[in-house]
């Protein structure tokens, strides 16, 4: 059995009709030649993804800048850690305990 690959346009058309609810999923499945569960899966994916479609562009920028801040903090901590390790290696009191 060969797996059918449907285009985005085809899926969009089927899901849009399913969301409109003018015809049942069973009728749409027969009309478009796909299994009803496939239409349910496509519809579920679309409905779950809707909140991300209208995302705030400022929020995306803030998320990116937040990552920049964290990366800078990590870099600073790595430098401080390396400095303290070197300082401890040269400390006579610490060397005496090794």
Protein backbone atom coordinates (compact mmCIF):
# COMPACT_ATOMS: atom_id res chain seq x y z
CA UNK A 1 0.00 0.00 0.00
CA UNK A 2 1.38 3.39 -1.02
CA UNK A 3 1.15 6.22 1.48
CA UNK A 4 -0.59 9.30 0.12
CA UNK A 5 1.18 12.60 0.58
CA UNK A 6 -1.21 15.52 0.72
CA UNK A 7 -0.20 19.10 0.00
CA UNK A 8 -0.56 21.87 2.54
CA UNK A 9 -3.22 23.46 0.40
CA UNK A 10 -5.26 20.25 0.33
CA UNK A 11 -5.01 19.79 4.11
CA UNK A 12 -5.91 23.45 4.66
CA UNK A 13 -9.00 23.19 2.48
CA UNK A 14 -10.20 20.02 4.23
CA UNK A 15 -9.54 21.37 7.73
CA UNK A 16 -11.20 24.68 6.97
CA UNK A 17 -14.34 22.86 5.87
CA UNK A 18 -14.16 20.67 8.98
CA UNK A 19 -13.90 23.73 11.22
CA UNK A 20 -16.81 25.43 9.47
CA UNK A 21 -18.93 22.38 10.34
CA UNK A 22 -21.28 22.60 7.37
CA UNK A 23 -20.68 18.92 6.65
CA UNK A 24 -19.82 16.06 8.99
CA UNK A 25 -16.30 14.66 9.17
CA UNK A 26 -17.59 11.44 7.61
CA UNK A 27 -18.97 13.32 4.61
CA UNK A 28 -15.74 15.30 4.22
CA UNK A 29 -13.69 12.10 4.45
CA UNK A 30 -15.69 10.52 1.68
CA UNK A 31 -15.67 13.70 -0.40
CA UNK A 32 -11.87 14.09 -0.22
CA UNK A 33 -10.90 10.42 -0.02
CA UNK A 34 -9.16 10.52 3.35
CA UNK A 35 -9.83 8.68 6.59
CA UNK A 36 -11.98 10.55 9.14
CA UNK A 37 -9.32 10.15 11.84
CA UNK A 38 -6.86 11.91 9.54
CA UNK A 39 -9.17 14.90 9.31
CA UNK A 40 -9.54 14.90 13.09
CA UNK A 41 -5.73 14.86 13.47
CA UNK A 42 -5.27 17.74 11.02
CA UNK A 43 -8.02 19.74 12.68
CA UNK A 44 -6.52 19.14 16.13
CA UNK A 45 -3.09 20.28 14.92
CA UNK A 46 -4.54 23.45 13.44
CA UNK A 47 -6.56 24.31 16.54
CA UNK A 48 -3.57 23.69 18.85
CA UNK A 49 -1.34 25.86 16.65
CA UNK A 50 -3.70 28.83 16.40
CA UNK A 51 -2.40 30.68 19.47
CA UNK A 52 1.11 30.77 17.99
CA UNK A 53 -0.05 32.25 14.69
CA UNK A 54 -0.97 35.57 16.23
CA UNK A 55 2.14 35.80 18.39
CA UNK A 56 3.49 39.14 19.53
CA UNK A 57 6.65 40.12 17.66
CA UNK A 58 7.86 42.09 20.72
CA UNK A 59 7.59 38.96 22.84
CA UNK A 60 9.78 37.07 20.37
CA UNK A 61 12.40 39.82 20.56
CA UNK A 62 12.26 39.81 24.36
CA UNK A 63 12.76 36.05 24.43
CA UNK A 64 15.82 36.40 22.23
CA UNK A 65 17.30 39.17 24.36
CA UNK A 66 16.64 37.12 27.48
CA UNK A 67 18.77 34.38 26.02
CA UNK A 68 21.52 36.89 25.30
CA UNK A 69 21.48 38.01 28.93
CA UNK A 70 21.73 34.42 30.15
CA UNK A 71 24.60 33.68 27.78
CA UNK A 72 26.48 36.74 29.05
CA UNK A 73 25.91 35.68 32.67
CA UNK A 74 27.15 32.17 31.91
CA UNK A 75 30.24 33.61 30.24
CA UNK A 76 30.93 35.85 33.22
CA UNK A 77 30.55 32.93 35.65
CA UNK A 78 32.90 30.76 33.58
CA UNK A 79 35.55 33.50 33.64
CA UNK A 80 35.13 33.99 37.41
CA UNK A 81 35.33 30.24 37.98
CA UNK A 82 38.53 29.93 35.94
CA UNK A 83 40.05 32.89 37.82
CA UNK A 84 39.24 31.36 41.20
CA UNK A 85 40.66 27.97 40.19
CA UNK A 86 43.95 29.60 39.17
CA UNK A 87 44.00 31.66 42.37
CA UNK A 88 43.52 28.53 44.48
CA UNK A 89 46.31 26.69 42.64
CA UNK A 90 48.77 29.42 43.65
CA UNK A 91 47.53 29.77 47.23
CA UNK A 92 50.17 28.32 49.60
CA UNK A 93 47.61 27.31 52.21
CA UNK A 94 45.53 25.32 49.72
CA UNK A 95 48.65 23.72 48.19
CA UNK A 96 49.71 22.54 51.66
CA UNK A 97 46.54 20.46 52.01
CA UNK A 98 46.96 18.59 48.75
